[in-house]
Amino acid sequence: MPRASADPPPARVLVVDDEPVVGDVLRTLLTSEGHHVEVAPDAATGRSLLEGGGPWDALLLDVMLPDADGLDVLWWVREQAPDVAVVMITAFG
């Protein structure tokens, strides 16, 4: 009997980060693992993609964005899309 693959199915991942290099690196890494990735450079674009481009499996969310505090965006996400897994990211030590 053939053994089932242990690989999880591809995820739809939204990255919200204002640093283009960070977005590009995360897109490259996650896409190379078979995931579908969209990158938003600010909170407004991220919210728009969350509302109209879903469903999303995961959100990688920068703590500091040019147009909003990442924690405020997190509260909004919890209300609008409570099933989306969120990972907060930052360049701060």
Protein backbone atom coordinates (compact mmCIF):
# COMPACT_ATOMS: atom_id res chain seq x y z
CA MET A 1 0.00 0.00 0.00
CA PRO A 2 1.47 3.41 -0.96
CA ARG A 3 2.34 5.68 1.89
CA ALA A 4 0.55 9.03 2.04
CA SER A 5 2.69 12.12 1.75
CA ALA A 6 3.43 13.85 5.04
CA ASP A 7 3.74 17.23 3.32
CA PRO A 8 1.04 19.69 4.35
CA PRO A 9 -1.03 21.26 1.58
CA PRO A 10 0.09 24.64 0.26
CA ALA A 11 -1.09 27.64 2.25
CA ARG A 12 -2.30 31.06 1.14
CA VAL A 13 -0.05 33.51 2.97
CA LEU A 14 -0.34 37.28 3.15
CA VAL A 15 2.77 39.23 4.12
CA VAL A 16 2.20 42.81 5.31
CA ASP A 17 5.55 44.56 5.57
CA ASP A 18 6.74 47.96 4.35
CA GLU A 19 10.31 46.79 3.71
CA PRO A 20 10.45 45.55 0.09
CA VAL A 21 13.44 43.29 0.79
CA VAL A 22 11.61 41.54 3.63
CA GLY A 23 8.53 41.01 1.47
CA ASP A 24 10.63 39.69 -1.42
CA VAL A 25 12.60 37.29 0.78
CA LEU A 26 9.49 35.92 2.47
CA ARG A 27 7.72 35.56 -0.89
CA THR A 28 10.72 33.70 -2.35
CA LEU A 29 11.11 31.35 0.62
CA LEU A 30 7.42 30.53 1.00
CA THR A 31 6.81 30.20 -2.73
CA SER A 32 9.75 27.80 -3.00
CA GLU A 33 7.90 25.62 -0.47
CA GLY A 34 4.81 25.63 -2.68
CA HIS A 35 2.75 28.27 -0.91
CA HIS A 36 0.75 31.06 -2.59
CA VAL A 37 2.07 34.40 -1.30
CA GLU A 38 0.89 37.98 -1.68
CA VAL A 39 2.81 40.94 -0.26
CA ALA A 40 1.22 44.19 0.91
CA PRO A 41 3.44 47.23 1.63
CA ASP A 42 1.09 48.81 4.16
CA ALA A 43 -1.90 48.17 6.41
CA ALA A 44 -4.48 49.60 3.98
CA THR A 45 -3.39 47.25 1.18
CA GLY A 46 -3.22 44.34 3.62
CA ARG A 47 -6.76 45.02 4.84
CA SER A 48 -8.01 45.24 1.27
CA LEU A 49 -6.41 41.90 0.37
CA LEU A 50 -7.75 40.27 3.53
CA GLU A 51 -11.27 41.45 2.75
CA GLY A 52 -11.29 40.70 -0.97
CA GLY A 53 -8.64 38.12 -1.65
CA GLY A 54 -9.37 35.42 0.87
CA PRO A 55 -9.58 33.01 2.36
CA TRP A 56 -6.10 33.29 3.81
CA ASP A 57 -4.41 30.63 5.91
CA ALA A 58 -1.71 32.81 7.45
CA LEU A 59 -0.70 36.42 7.86
CA LEU A 60 2.86 37.59 8.50
CA LEU A 61 2.35 41.07 9.93
CA ASP A 62 4.97 43.72 10.63
CA VAL A 63 4.67 45.41 14.02
CA MET A 64 5.43 48.88 12.60
CA LEU A 65 3.80 49.94 9.35
CA PRO A 66 3.84 53.40 7.74
CA ASP A 67 0.07 53.86 7.98
CA ALA A 68 -0.88 51.88 11.11
CA ASP A 69 0.37 50.16 14.21
CA GLY A 70 0.66 46.42 13.56
CA LEU A 71 -1.07 45.62 16.84
CA ASP A 72 -4.09 47.69 15.79
CA VAL A 73 -4.15 45.75 12.52
CA LEU A 74 -3.97 42.52 14.53
CA TRP A 75 -7.10 43.50 16.50
CA TRP A 76 -8.88 44.27 13.21
CA VAL A 77 -7.82 40.90 11.76
CA ARG A 78 -9.09 39.07 14.86
CA GLU A 79 -12.51 40.66 14.31
CA GLN A 80 -12.67 40.25 10.53
CA ALA A 81 -10.86 36.94 9.96
CA PRO A 82 -10.53 35.10 13.28
CA ASP A 83 -9.41 31.84 11.66
CA VAL A 84 -6.31 33.33 10.03
CA ALA A 85 -3.08 32.37 11.79
CA VAL A 86 -1.06 35.53 12.51
CA VAL A 87 2.68 35.80 13.07
CA MET A 88 3.93 39.23 14.12
CA ILE A 89 7.33 40.16 12.72
CA THR A 90 9.68 43.08 13.42
CA ALA A 91 13.20 44.29 12.76
CA PHE A 92 13.56 45.49 16.36
CA GLY A 93 15.76 43.54 18.74
